[in-house]
Amino acid sequence: MSDYRQMMHELYEAHQNFKKEWDDWRNAKIKPTEKKKFKKSRGLEAENVSIARDKFLDALNRLFDTKLAPLEIKSNETPLKAVDEIIEFLSVDIPCHRCGYVKETFLTKLKSVFLTFEQQKQLQQIALDLCRNPRYRREFGDWARLMVKIADQLFIGEMNKLSENSDEKIRATSKWMKNKIAANRKDLQAAID
């Protein structure tokens, strides 16, 4: 498991736990044995909520301070050397707090950086995987804009297959991305159904 996957998984779990503790506390889902203590502390945050928040913030800071901030600095100073690590980060599809914003930034940067054939294929595969697993991602539009730049006939062929999928969401996301590519790449319009 890559460092990014592990850290993003920890962040996701900590965030989910904090949201649960917060909701339970705010909605007063407490054990009957704690009701007396709850009435005395009304308005004060429960200790388990504070602990869950601290774990969430620790996981968030660990990911951003040890991985993403240095990667952003590296991508600003020497973008070509940062591409492989950026691709590693983008390949992790765990919906973590604030990571969609960072992915948008990196996807935008990749449009102006030279990408090797292998790097382009890796990015195309990630985009196909995102279409196969449709759920809202704030960075999906940035993925489509990057695919406008690096799409080829094989990628369009795979997108055409996804457009024929029985799942309506998969068809919709793949058609949306294909339309974005078709509108901006005249050389690929013939390959698009």
N, C-alpha and C. Protein backbone atom coordinates (compact mmCIF):
# COMPACT_ATOMS: atom_id res chain seq x y z
N MET A 1 0.86 -1.18 0.00
CA MET A 1 0.00 0.00 0.00
C MET A 1 0.90 1.24 0.00
N SER A 2 0.62 2.16 -0.91
CA SER A 2 1.44 3.37 -0.99
C SER A 2 1.18 4.26 0.22
N ASP A 3 2.15 5.14 0.47
CA ASP A 3 1.99 6.09 1.57
C ASP A 3 0.74 6.93 1.38
N TYR A 4 0.50 7.37 0.14
CA TYR A 4 -0.68 8.20 -0.11
C TYR A 4 -1.96 7.44 0.20
N ARG A 5 -2.05 6.20 -0.26
CA ARG A 5 -3.25 5.41 -0.02
C ARG A 5 -3.47 5.21 1.48
N GLN A 6 -2.42 4.86 2.19
CA GLN A 6 -2.53 4.63 3.63
C GLN A 6 -2.95 5.90 4.37
N MET A 7 -2.27 7.00 4.06
CA MET A 7 -2.58 8.24 4.77
C MET A 7 -3.97 8.77 4.42
N MET A 8 -4.36 8.63 3.16
CA MET A 8 -5.69 9.09 2.76
C MET A 8 -6.77 8.20 3.36
N HIS A 9 -6.49 6.92 3.48
CA HIS A 9 -7.44 6.01 4.13
C HIS A 9 -7.60 6.37 5.60
N GLU A 10 -6.48 6.63 6.27
CA GLU A 10 -6.54 7.04 7.68
C GLU A 10 -7.32 8.36 7.84
N LEU A 11 -7.08 9.30 6.94
CA LEU A 11 -7.80 10.57 7.00
C LEU A 11 -9.30 10.35 6.78
N TYR A 12 -9.64 9.54 5.80
CA TYR A 12 -11.05 9.27 5.53
C TYR A 12 -11.73 8.63 6.75
N GLU A 13 -11.08 7.63 7.34
CA GLU A 13 -11.65 6.95 8.51
C GLU A 13 -11.79 7.91 9.69
N ALA A 14 -10.77 8.73 9.93
CA ALA A 14 -10.82 9.69 11.05
C ALA A 14 -11.92 10.71 10.82
N HIS A 15 -12.09 11.15 9.58
CA HIS A 15 -13.13 12.13 9.28
C HIS A 15 -14.53 11.52 9.46
N GLN A 16 -14.70 10.29 9.00
CA GLN A 16 -15.99 9.62 9.16
C GLN A 16 -16.32 9.41 10.64
N ASN A 17 -15.32 9.03 11.42
CA ASN A 17 -15.52 8.83 12.85
C ASN A 17 -15.87 10.15 13.54
N PHE A 18 -15.17 11.21 13.17
CA PHE A 18 -15.48 12.51 13.77
C PHE A 18 -16.89 12.95 13.42
N LYS A 19 -17.29 12.79 12.16
CA LYS A 19 -18.66 13.17 11.77
C LYS A 19 -19.69 12.37 12.55
N LYS A 20 -19.45 11.09 12.74
CA LYS A 20 -20.39 10.25 13.49
C LYS A 20 -20.50 10.72 14.94
N GLU A 21 -19.34 10.92 15.58
CA GLU A 21 -19.34 11.38 16.98
C GLU A 21 -20.02 12.74 17.11
N TRP A 22 -19.72 13.63 16.17
CA TRP A 22 -20.32 14.96 16.20
C TRP A 22 -21.84 14.86 16.04
N ASP A 23 -22.29 14.11 15.05
CA ASP A 23 -23.74 13.97 14.82
C ASP A 23 -24.43 13.33 16.02
N ASP A 24 -23.81 12.30 16.58
CA ASP A 24 -24.41 11.65 17.76
C ASP A 24 -24.52 12.63 18.92
N TRP A 25 -23.47 13.41 19.11
CA TRP A 25 -23.50 14.38 20.21
C TRP A 25 -24.52 15.48 19.96
N ARG A 26 -24.52 16.03 18.74
CA ARG A 26 -25.45 17.12 18.42
C ARG A 26 -26.90 16.66 18.44
N ASN A 27 -27.13 15.40 18.08
CA ASN A 27 -28.50 14.88 18.08
C ASN A 27 -28.83 14.15 19.37
N ALA A 28 -27.92 14.25 20.35
CA ALA A 28 -28.11 13.68 21.69
C ALA A 28 -28.37 12.19 21.66
N LYS A 29 -27.67 11.47 20.80
CA LYS A 29 -27.75 10.01 20.80
C LYS A 29 -26.73 9.52 21.83
N ILE A 30 -27.17 9.51 23.05
CA ILE A 30 -26.27 9.12 24.13
C ILE A 30 -26.87 7.95 24.89
N LYS A 31 -26.01 7.27 25.59
CA LYS A 31 -26.45 6.12 26.36
C LYS A 31 -27.25 6.61 27.57
N PRO A 32 -28.26 5.85 27.98
CA PRO A 32 -29.06 6.26 29.14
C PRO A 32 -28.22 6.48 30.39
N THR A 33 -27.12 5.76 30.54
CA THR A 33 -26.27 5.93 31.72
C THR A 33 -25.54 7.27 31.72
N GLU A 34 -25.45 7.91 30.57
CA GLU A 34 -24.73 9.18 30.47
C GLU A 34 -25.66 10.39 30.46
N LYS A 35 -26.98 10.18 30.55
CA LYS A 35 -27.92 11.30 30.45
C LYS A 35 -27.69 12.35 31.52
N LYS A 36 -27.45 11.92 32.76
CA LYS A 36 -27.25 12.87 33.85
C LYS A 36 -26.02 13.72 33.57
N LYS A 37 -24.94 13.08 33.15
CA LYS A 37 -23.70 13.80 32.83
C LYS A 37 -23.92 14.75 31.65
N PHE A 38 -24.72 14.33 30.66
CA PHE A 38 -24.98 15.16 29.49
C PHE A 38 -25.75 16.42 29.88
N LYS A 39 -26.75 16.28 30.75
CA LYS A 39 -27.54 17.45 31.16
C LYS A 39 -26.68 18.48 31.86
N LYS A 40 -25.72 18.02 32.67
CA LYS A 40 -24.84 18.96 33.37
C LYS A 40 -23.90 19.68 32.41
N SER A 41 -23.52 19.00 31.33
CA SER A 41 -22.53 19.57 30.41
C SER A 41 -23.16 20.11 29.14
N ARG A 42 -24.47 20.37 29.15
CA ARG A 42 -25.14 20.85 27.94
C ARG A 42 -24.43 22.09 27.41
N GLY A 43 -24.13 22.06 26.12
CA GLY A 43 -23.43 23.17 25.49
C GLY A 43 -21.93 22.95 25.41
N LEU A 44 -21.41 22.09 26.29
CA LEU A 44 -19.99 21.76 26.23
C LEU A 44 -19.82 20.54 25.36
N GLU A 45 -18.76 20.54 24.61
CA GLU A 45 -18.51 19.41 23.72
C GLU A 45 -18.10 18.17 24.51
N ALA A 46 -18.63 17.04 24.11
CA ALA A 46 -18.29 15.78 24.76
C ALA A 46 -16.83 15.43 24.50
N GLU A 47 -16.24 14.71 25.44
CA GLU A 47 -14.84 14.35 25.32
C GLU A 47 -14.57 13.47 24.10
N ASN A 48 -15.47 12.54 23.79
CA ASN A 48 -15.26 11.66 22.64
C ASN A 48 -15.30 12.44 21.33
N VAL A 49 -16.05 13.55 21.28
CA VAL A 49 -16.07 14.40 20.09
C VAL A 49 -14.73 15.12 19.95
N SER A 50 -14.22 15.62 21.05
CA SER A 50 -12.92 16.30 21.03
C SER A 50 -11.80 15.35 20.62
N ILE A 51 -11.84 14.14 21.12
CA ILE A 51 -10.82 13.14 20.77
C ILE A 51 -10.91 12.81 19.28
N ALA A 52 -12.14 12.61 18.79
CA ALA A 52 -12.33 12.28 17.37
C ALA A 52 -11.87 13.44 16.48
N ARG A 53 -12.16 14.69 16.90
CA ARG A 53 -11.71 15.85 16.14
C ARG A 53 -10.19 15.92 16.10
N ASP A 54 -9.56 15.69 17.24
CA ASP A 54 -8.10 15.73 17.29
C ASP A 54 -7.48 14.67 16.38
N LYS A 55 -8.03 13.47 16.37
CA LYS A 55 -7.52 12.42 15.48
C LYS A 55 -7.70 12.80 14.01
N PHE A 56 -8.86 13.39 13.71
CA PHE A 56 -9.12 13.84 12.34
C PHE A 56 -8.12 14.92 11.92
N LEU A 57 -7.93 15.92 12.77
CA LEU A 57 -6.99 17.00 12.45
C LEU A 57 -5.55 16.50 12.37
N ASP A 58 -5.20 15.54 13.22
CA ASP A 58 -3.85 14.96 13.14
C ASP A 58 -3.65 14.26 11.81
N ALA A 59 -4.64 13.46 11.38
CA ALA A 59 -4.53 12.75 10.10
C ALA A 59 -4.46 13.74 8.94
N LEU A 60 -5.27 14.80 9.01
CA LEU A 60 -5.28 15.82 7.97
C LEU A 60 -3.92 16.52 7.89
N ASN A 61 -3.41 16.94 9.04
CA ASN A 61 -2.12 17.64 9.06
C ASN A 61 -0.97 16.73 8.64
N ARG A 62 -1.04 15.47 9.03
CA ARG A 62 0.02 14.53 8.65
C ARG A 62 0.08 14.39 7.13
N LEU A 63 -1.08 14.21 6.47
CA LEU A 63 -1.11 14.08 5.02
C LEU A 63 -0.63 15.35 4.34
N PHE A 64 -1.15 16.49 4.77
CA PHE A 64 -0.81 17.74 4.10
C PHE A 64 0.60 18.21 4.41
N ASP A 65 1.04 18.07 5.66
CA ASP A 65 2.37 18.57 6.02
C ASP A 65 3.49 17.67 5.53
N THR A 66 3.30 16.35 5.57
CA THR A 66 4.39 15.45 5.21
C THR A 66 4.39 15.06 3.74
N LYS A 67 3.26 15.14 3.07
CA LYS A 67 3.19 14.67 1.69
C LYS A 67 2.79 15.76 0.70
N LEU A 68 1.63 16.36 0.89
CA LEU A 68 1.08 17.23 -0.15
C LEU A 68 1.76 18.59 -0.24
N ALA A 69 2.09 19.20 0.89
CA ALA A 69 2.79 20.50 0.83
C ALA A 69 4.17 20.35 0.18
N PRO A 70 4.98 19.35 0.57
CA PRO A 70 6.26 19.18 -0.13
C PRO A 70 6.09 18.84 -1.61
N LEU A 71 5.06 18.07 -1.94
CA LEU A 71 4.82 17.75 -3.35
C LEU A 71 4.45 19.00 -4.14
N GLU A 72 3.67 19.87 -3.54
CA GLU A 72 3.31 21.11 -4.23
C GLU A 72 4.54 21.99 -4.45
N ILE A 73 5.39 22.07 -3.46
CA ILE A 73 6.63 22.85 -3.60
C ILE A 73 7.49 22.24 -4.71
N LYS A 74 7.63 20.93 -4.68
CA LYS A 74 8.43 20.23 -5.69
C LYS A 74 7.85 20.45 -7.09
N SER A 75 6.51 20.43 -7.20
CA SER A 75 5.89 20.62 -8.52
C SER A 75 6.04 22.05 -9.02
N ASN A 76 6.16 23.00 -8.12
CA ASN A 76 6.39 24.39 -8.53
C ASN A 76 7.84 24.63 -8.94
N GLU A 77 8.77 23.99 -8.23
CA GLU A 77 10.19 24.21 -8.51
C GLU A 77 10.68 23.39 -9.70
N THR A 78 10.38 22.09 -9.71
CA THR A 78 10.82 21.19 -10.79
C THR A 78 9.65 20.28 -11.18
N PRO A 79 8.73 20.80 -11.99
CA PRO A 79 7.53 20.05 -12.30
C PRO A 79 7.77 18.68 -12.92
N LEU A 80 8.77 18.55 -13.77
CA LEU A 80 9.02 17.25 -14.41
C LEU A 80 9.39 16.17 -13.41
N LYS A 81 10.09 16.53 -12.35
CA LYS A 81 10.48 15.55 -11.34
C LYS A 81 9.32 15.15 -10.43
N ALA A 82 8.28 15.96 -10.40
CA ALA A 82 7.14 15.69 -9.51
C ALA A 82 6.02 14.90 -10.17
N VAL A 83 6.07 14.72 -11.48
CA VAL A 83 4.95 14.13 -12.22
C VAL A 83 4.58 12.73 -11.72
N ASP A 84 5.57 11.87 -11.53
CA ASP A 84 5.27 10.50 -11.10
C ASP A 84 4.60 10.47 -9.73
N GLU A 85 5.06 11.31 -8.82
CA GLU A 85 4.45 11.34 -7.49
C GLU A 85 3.05 11.95 -7.55
N ILE A 86 2.86 12.93 -8.41
CA ILE A 86 1.52 13.50 -8.59
C ILE A 86 0.57 12.43 -9.12
N ILE A 87 1.03 11.64 -10.07
CA ILE A 87 0.20 10.57 -10.62
C ILE A 87 -0.13 9.55 -9.53
N GLU A 88 0.83 9.25 -8.68
CA GLU A 88 0.56 8.32 -7.57
C GLU A 88 -0.55 8.87 -6.67
N PHE A 89 -0.47 10.15 -6.34
CA PHE A 89 -1.51 10.78 -5.51
C PHE A 89 -2.86 10.77 -6.22
N LEU A 90 -2.87 11.11 -7.50
CA LEU A 90 -4.13 11.15 -8.25
C LEU A 90 -4.77 9.77 -8.39
N SER A 91 -3.96 8.73 -8.36
CA SER A 91 -4.49 7.39 -8.56
C SER A 91 -5.28 6.88 -7.35
N VAL A 92 -5.11 7.51 -6.20
CA VAL A 92 -5.82 7.08 -4.99
C VAL A 92 -7.20 7.72 -5.00
N ASP A 93 -8.21 6.88 -5.14
CA ASP A 93 -9.58 7.39 -5.24
C ASP A 93 -10.32 7.19 -3.91
N ILE A 94 -9.85 7.88 -2.90
CA ILE A 94 -10.50 7.88 -1.59
C ILE A 94 -10.97 9.31 -1.36
N PRO A 95 -12.26 9.50 -1.12
CA PRO A 95 -12.79 10.87 -0.97
C PRO A 95 -12.40 11.50 0.36
N CYS A 96 -11.21 12.07 0.41
CA CYS A 96 -10.69 12.67 1.63
C CYS A 96 -10.99 14.16 1.69
N HIS A 97 -11.09 14.62 2.91
CA HIS A 97 -11.33 16.03 3.18
C HIS A 97 -10.22 16.88 2.55
N ARG A 98 -10.60 17.84 1.71
CA ARG A 98 -9.72 18.82 1.05
C ARG A 98 -8.86 18.26 -0.08
N CYS A 99 -8.86 16.95 -0.30
CA CYS A 99 -7.99 16.37 -1.33
C CYS A 99 -8.49 16.68 -2.74
N GLY A 100 -9.79 16.86 -2.92
CA GLY A 100 -10.31 17.20 -4.24
C GLY A 100 -9.76 18.53 -4.74
N TYR A 101 -9.62 19.49 -3.85
CA TYR A 101 -9.05 20.78 -4.22
C TYR A 101 -7.60 20.62 -4.69
N VAL A 102 -6.85 19.81 -3.95
CA VAL A 102 -5.44 19.60 -4.30
C VAL A 102 -5.34 18.87 -5.63
N LYS A 103 -6.22 17.88 -5.84
CA LYS A 103 -6.20 17.15 -7.11
C LYS A 103 -6.51 18.10 -8.27
N GLU A 104 -7.44 19.02 -8.08
CA GLU A 104 -7.73 20.01 -9.13
C GLU A 104 -6.48 20.80 -9.49
N THR A 105 -5.74 21.22 -8.49
CA THR A 105 -4.52 22.00 -8.71
C THR A 105 -3.50 21.19 -9.50
N PHE A 106 -3.28 19.95 -9.10
CA PHE A 106 -2.30 19.12 -9.78
C PHE A 106 -2.74 18.77 -11.20
N LEU A 107 -4.02 18.51 -11.40
CA LEU A 107 -4.51 18.20 -12.75
C LEU A 107 -4.31 19.39 -13.68
N THR A 108 -4.53 20.58 -13.17
CA THR A 108 -4.31 21.78 -13.97
C THR A 108 -2.83 21.93 -14.32
N LYS A 109 -1.95 21.65 -13.36
CA LYS A 109 -0.50 21.75 -13.62
C LYS A 109 -0.06 20.73 -14.67
N LEU A 110 -0.64 19.53 -14.64
CA LEU A 110 -0.23 18.49 -15.58
C LEU A 110 -0.52 18.86 -17.02
N LYS A 111 -1.48 19.76 -17.24
CA LYS A 111 -1.79 20.16 -18.61
C LYS A 111 -0.65 20.94 -19.24
N SER A 112 0.21 21.56 -18.43
CA SER A 112 1.28 22.39 -18.98
C SER A 112 2.66 21.75 -18.83
N VAL A 113 2.70 20.47 -18.46
CA VAL A 113 3.97 19.78 -18.25
C VAL A 113 4.11 18.70 -19.32
N PHE A 114 5.34 18.48 -19.75
CA PHE A 114 5.60 17.39 -20.69
C PHE A 114 5.35 16.07 -19.97
N LEU A 115 4.54 15.20 -20.58
CA LEU A 115 4.24 13.89 -20.03
C LEU A 115 4.76 12.82 -20.98
N THR A 116 5.46 11.84 -20.43
CA THR A 116 5.93 10.74 -21.27
C THR A 116 4.74 9.90 -21.70
N PHE A 117 4.96 9.03 -22.67
CA PHE A 117 3.90 8.14 -23.15
C PHE A 117 3.37 7.29 -22.00
N GLU A 118 4.26 6.77 -21.17
CA GLU A 118 3.85 5.93 -20.04
C GLU A 118 3.01 6.72 -19.03
N GLN A 119 3.42 7.94 -18.75
CA GLN A 119 2.66 8.78 -17.82
C GLN A 119 1.28 9.10 -18.38
N GLN A 120 1.20 9.36 -19.68
CA GLN A 120 -0.10 9.62 -20.30
C GLN A 120 -1.00 8.40 -20.17
N LYS A 121 -0.45 7.21 -20.40
CA LYS A 121 -1.24 5.98 -20.29
C LYS A 121 -1.72 5.76 -18.86
N GLN A 122 -0.87 6.06 -17.88
CA GLN A 122 -1.28 5.93 -16.48
C GLN A 122 -2.44 6.87 -16.17
N LEU A 123 -2.34 8.10 -16.62
CA LEU A 123 -3.40 9.07 -16.38
C LEU A 123 -4.70 8.68 -17.10
N GLN A 124 -4.57 8.17 -18.31
CA GLN A 124 -5.76 7.71 -19.04
C GLN A 124 -6.43 6.56 -18.29
N GLN A 125 -5.63 5.65 -17.75
CA GLN A 125 -6.20 4.52 -17.01
C GLN A 125 -6.93 5.00 -15.75
N ILE A 126 -6.36 5.97 -15.07
CA ILE A 126 -7.02 6.52 -13.88
C ILE A 126 -8.35 7.16 -14.27
N ALA A 127 -8.35 7.92 -15.37
CA ALA A 127 -9.59 8.56 -15.83
C ALA A 127 -10.64 7.50 -16.19
N LEU A 128 -10.23 6.42 -16.84
CA LEU A 128 -11.17 5.34 -17.16
C LEU A 128 -11.72 4.71 -15.88
N ASP A 129 -10.85 4.51 -14.90
CA ASP A 129 -11.30 3.94 -13.63
C ASP A 129 -12.30 4.85 -12.93
N LEU A 130 -12.09 6.15 -13.03
CA LEU A 130 -13.03 7.10 -12.43
C LEU A 130 -14.39 7.02 -13.12
N CYS A 131 -14.39 6.83 -14.43
CA CYS A 131 -15.66 6.70 -15.16
C CYS A 131 -16.35 5.38 -14.82
N ARG A 132 -15.57 4.34 -14.55
CA ARG A 132 -16.15 3.03 -14.19
C ARG A 132 -16.74 3.03 -12.79
N ASN A 133 -16.31 3.95 -11.97
CA ASN A 133 -16.78 4.04 -10.59
C ASN A 133 -17.38 5.43 -10.36
N PRO A 134 -18.54 5.67 -10.97
CA PRO A 134 -19.07 7.05 -10.96
C PRO A 134 -19.64 7.46 -9.61
N ARG A 135 -19.10 8.50 -9.08
CA ARG A 135 -19.67 9.21 -7.94
C ARG A 135 -19.15 10.63 -8.04
N TYR A 136 -19.76 11.52 -7.34
CA TYR A 136 -19.38 12.92 -7.47
C TYR A 136 -17.94 13.11 -7.02
N ARG A 137 -17.18 13.78 -7.85
CA ARG A 137 -15.82 14.21 -7.53
C ARG A 137 -15.68 15.63 -8.04
N ARG A 138 -15.27 16.51 -7.20
CA ARG A 138 -15.17 17.90 -7.63
C ARG A 138 -14.12 18.07 -8.72
N GLU A 139 -13.14 17.16 -8.79
CA GLU A 139 -12.06 17.30 -9.76
C GLU A 139 -12.35 16.65 -11.11
N PHE A 140 -13.54 16.09 -11.30
CA PHE A 140 -13.83 15.36 -12.53
C PHE A 140 -13.72 16.25 -13.78
N GLY A 141 -14.16 17.49 -13.68
CA GLY A 141 -14.03 18.42 -14.80
C GLY A 141 -12.58 18.66 -15.18
N ASP A 142 -11.70 18.71 -14.18
CA ASP A 142 -10.27 18.86 -14.45
C ASP A 142 -9.69 17.61 -15.09
N TRP A 143 -10.21 16.45 -14.72
CA TRP A 143 -9.80 15.21 -15.40
C TRP A 143 -10.18 15.29 -16.88
N ALA A 144 -11.39 15.73 -17.15
CA ALA A 144 -11.84 15.82 -18.55
C ALA A 144 -10.96 16.80 -19.34
N ARG A 145 -10.62 17.94 -18.73
CA ARG A 145 -9.78 18.92 -19.42
C ARG A 145 -8.37 18.36 -19.68
N LEU A 146 -7.85 17.57 -18.75
CA LEU A 146 -6.55 16.93 -18.99
C LEU A 146 -6.67 15.89 -20.10
N MET A 147 -7.77 15.15 -20.14
CA MET A 147 -7.95 14.14 -21.18
C MET A 147 -8.07 14.79 -22.56
N VAL A 148 -8.58 16.01 -22.61
CA VAL A 148 -8.62 16.73 -23.89
C VAL A 148 -7.21 16.82 -24.45
N LYS A 149 -6.25 17.05 -23.59
CA LYS A 149 -4.86 17.18 -24.03
C LYS A 149 -4.23 15.84 -24.40
N ILE A 150 -4.48 14.78 -23.62
CA ILE A 150 -3.70 13.55 -23.80
C ILE A 150 -4.50 12.38 -24.38
N ALA A 151 -5.76 12.57 -24.71
CA ALA A 151 -6.56 11.47 -25.26
C ALA A 151 -6.00 11.02 -26.60
N ASP A 152 -6.17 9.74 -26.89
CA ASP A 152 -5.79 9.17 -28.18
C ASP A 152 -6.89 8.21 -28.63
N GLN A 153 -6.67 7.56 -29.77
CA GLN A 153 -7.69 6.66 -30.34
C GLN A 153 -8.03 5.51 -29.39
N LEU A 154 -7.03 4.93 -28.74
CA LEU A 154 -7.28 3.81 -27.82
C LEU A 154 -8.12 4.24 -26.63
N PHE A 155 -7.81 5.42 -26.10
CA PHE A 155 -8.59 5.94 -24.97
C PHE A 155 -10.04 6.16 -25.38
N ILE A 156 -10.24 6.73 -26.55
CA ILE A 156 -11.61 6.97 -27.04
C ILE A 156 -12.33 5.64 -27.24
N GLY A 157 -11.61 4.61 -27.74
CA GLY A 157 -12.21 3.29 -27.89
C GLY A 157 -12.70 2.74 -26.55
N GLU A 158 -11.90 2.91 -25.50
CA GLU A 158 -12.32 2.46 -24.17
C GLU A 158 -13.50 3.28 -23.65
N MET A 159 -13.49 4.57 -23.94
CA MET A 159 -14.62 5.42 -23.54
C MET A 159 -15.90 5.01 -24.27
N ASN A 160 -15.76 4.63 -25.55
CA ASN A 160 -16.92 4.17 -26.31
C ASN A 160 -17.51 2.91 -25.68
N LYS A 161 -16.64 2.00 -25.21
CA LYS A 161 -17.13 0.79 -24.54
C LYS A 161 -17.88 1.14 -23.27
N LEU A 162 -17.35 2.10 -22.50
CA LEU A 162 -18.02 2.51 -21.28
C LEU A 162 -19.37 3.16 -21.57
N SER A 163 -19.47 3.84 -22.71
CA SER A 163 -20.73 4.49 -23.09
C SER A 163 -21.84 3.48 -23.38
N GLU A 164 -21.45 2.22 -23.60
CA GLU A 164 -22.44 1.18 -23.87
C GLU A 164 -22.72 0.34 -22.62
N ASN A 165 -22.19 0.73 -21.49
CA ASN A 165 -22.37 -0.01 -20.24
C ASN A 165 -23.83 0.00 -19.82
N SER A 166 -24.24 -1.02 -19.09
CA SER A 166 -25.63 -1.10 -18.65
C SER A 166 -25.94 -0.15 -17.50
N ASP A 167 -24.92 0.28 -16.78
CA ASP A 167 -25.12 1.21 -15.67
C ASP A 167 -25.28 2.63 -16.22
N GLU A 168 -26.37 3.26 -15.86
CA GLU A 168 -26.69 4.59 -16.39
C GLU A 168 -25.66 5.65 -15.97
N LYS A 169 -25.16 5.56 -14.73
CA LYS A 169 -24.18 6.54 -14.25
C LYS A 169 -22.86 6.42 -15.01
N ILE A 170 -22.45 5.18 -15.28
CA ILE A 170 -21.21 4.97 -16.04
C ILE A 170 -21.37 5.52 -17.45
N ARG A 171 -22.51 5.25 -18.07
CA ARG A 171 -22.76 5.79 -19.41
C ARG A 171 -22.73 7.31 -19.39
N ALA A 172 -23.37 7.91 -18.40
CA ALA A 172 -23.46 9.38 -18.34
C ALA A 172 -22.09 10.02 -18.14
N THR A 173 -21.27 9.49 -17.22
CA THR A 173 -19.96 10.11 -16.98
C THR A 173 -19.04 9.93 -18.19
N SER A 174 -19.08 8.75 -18.81
CA SER A 174 -18.21 8.55 -19.97
C SER A 174 -18.66 9.40 -21.16
N LYS A 175 -19.96 9.53 -21.37
CA LYS A 175 -20.45 10.39 -22.46
C LYS A 175 -20.08 11.84 -22.20
N TRP A 176 -20.17 12.27 -20.95
CA TRP A 176 -19.83 13.65 -20.62
C TRP A 176 -18.36 13.92 -20.95
N MET A 177 -17.48 12.98 -20.54
CA MET A 177 -16.06 13.18 -20.81
C MET A 177 -15.80 13.12 -22.32
N LYS A 178 -16.43 12.20 -23.03
CA LYS A 178 -16.23 12.11 -24.48
C LYS A 178 -16.69 13.39 -25.17
N ASN A 179 -17.81 13.95 -24.73
CA ASN A 179 -18.31 15.20 -25.33
C ASN A 179 -17.32 16.34 -25.10
N LYS A 180 -16.73 16.37 -23.92
CA LYS A 180 -15.74 17.40 -23.61
C LYS A 180 -14.53 17.26 -24.55
N ILE A 181 -14.10 16.02 -24.78
CA ILE A 181 -12.97 15.78 -25.67
C ILE A 181 -13.35 16.12 -27.11
N ALA A 182 -14.53 15.69 -27.54
CA ALA A 182 -14.97 15.92 -28.92
C ALA A 182 -15.08 17.42 -29.22
N ALA A 183 -15.51 18.20 -28.25
CA ALA A 183 -15.68 19.63 -28.46
C ALA A 183 -14.34 20.35 -28.65
N ASN A 184 -13.26 19.73 -28.18
CA ASN A 184 -11.97 20.40 -28.20
C ASN A 184 -10.90 19.70 -29.03
N ARG A 185 -11.18 18.50 -29.50
CA ARG A 185 -10.20 17.76 -30.30
C ARG A 185 -10.85 17.28 -31.59
N LYS A 186 -10.70 18.08 -32.61
CA LYS A 186 -11.30 17.75 -33.91
C LYS A 186 -10.71 16.47 -34.49
N ASP A 187 -9.43 16.19 -34.16
CA ASP A 187 -8.77 15.01 -34.72
C ASP A 187 -9.35 13.70 -34.17
N LEU A 188 -10.07 13.75 -33.04
CA LEU A 188 -10.63 12.53 -32.44
C LEU A 188 -12.15 12.41 -32.64
N GLN A 189 -12.76 13.40 -33.27
CA GLN A 189 -14.22 13.37 -33.40
C GLN A 189 -14.71 12.16 -34.19
N ALA A 190 -13.95 11.72 -35.18
CA ALA A 190 -14.38 10.57 -35.98
C ALA A 190 -14.43 9.29 -35.14
N ALA A 191 -13.56 9.17 -34.14
CA ALA A 191 -13.51 7.97 -33.31
C ALA A 191 -14.60 7.94 -32.26
N ILE A 192 -15.16 9.11 -31.95
CA ILE A 192 -16.19 9.20 -30.92
C ILE A 192 -17.54 8.85 -31.53
N ASP A 193 -18.24 7.90 -30.88
CA ASP A 193 -19.57 7.48 -31.37
C ASP A 193 -20.52 8.66 -31.47
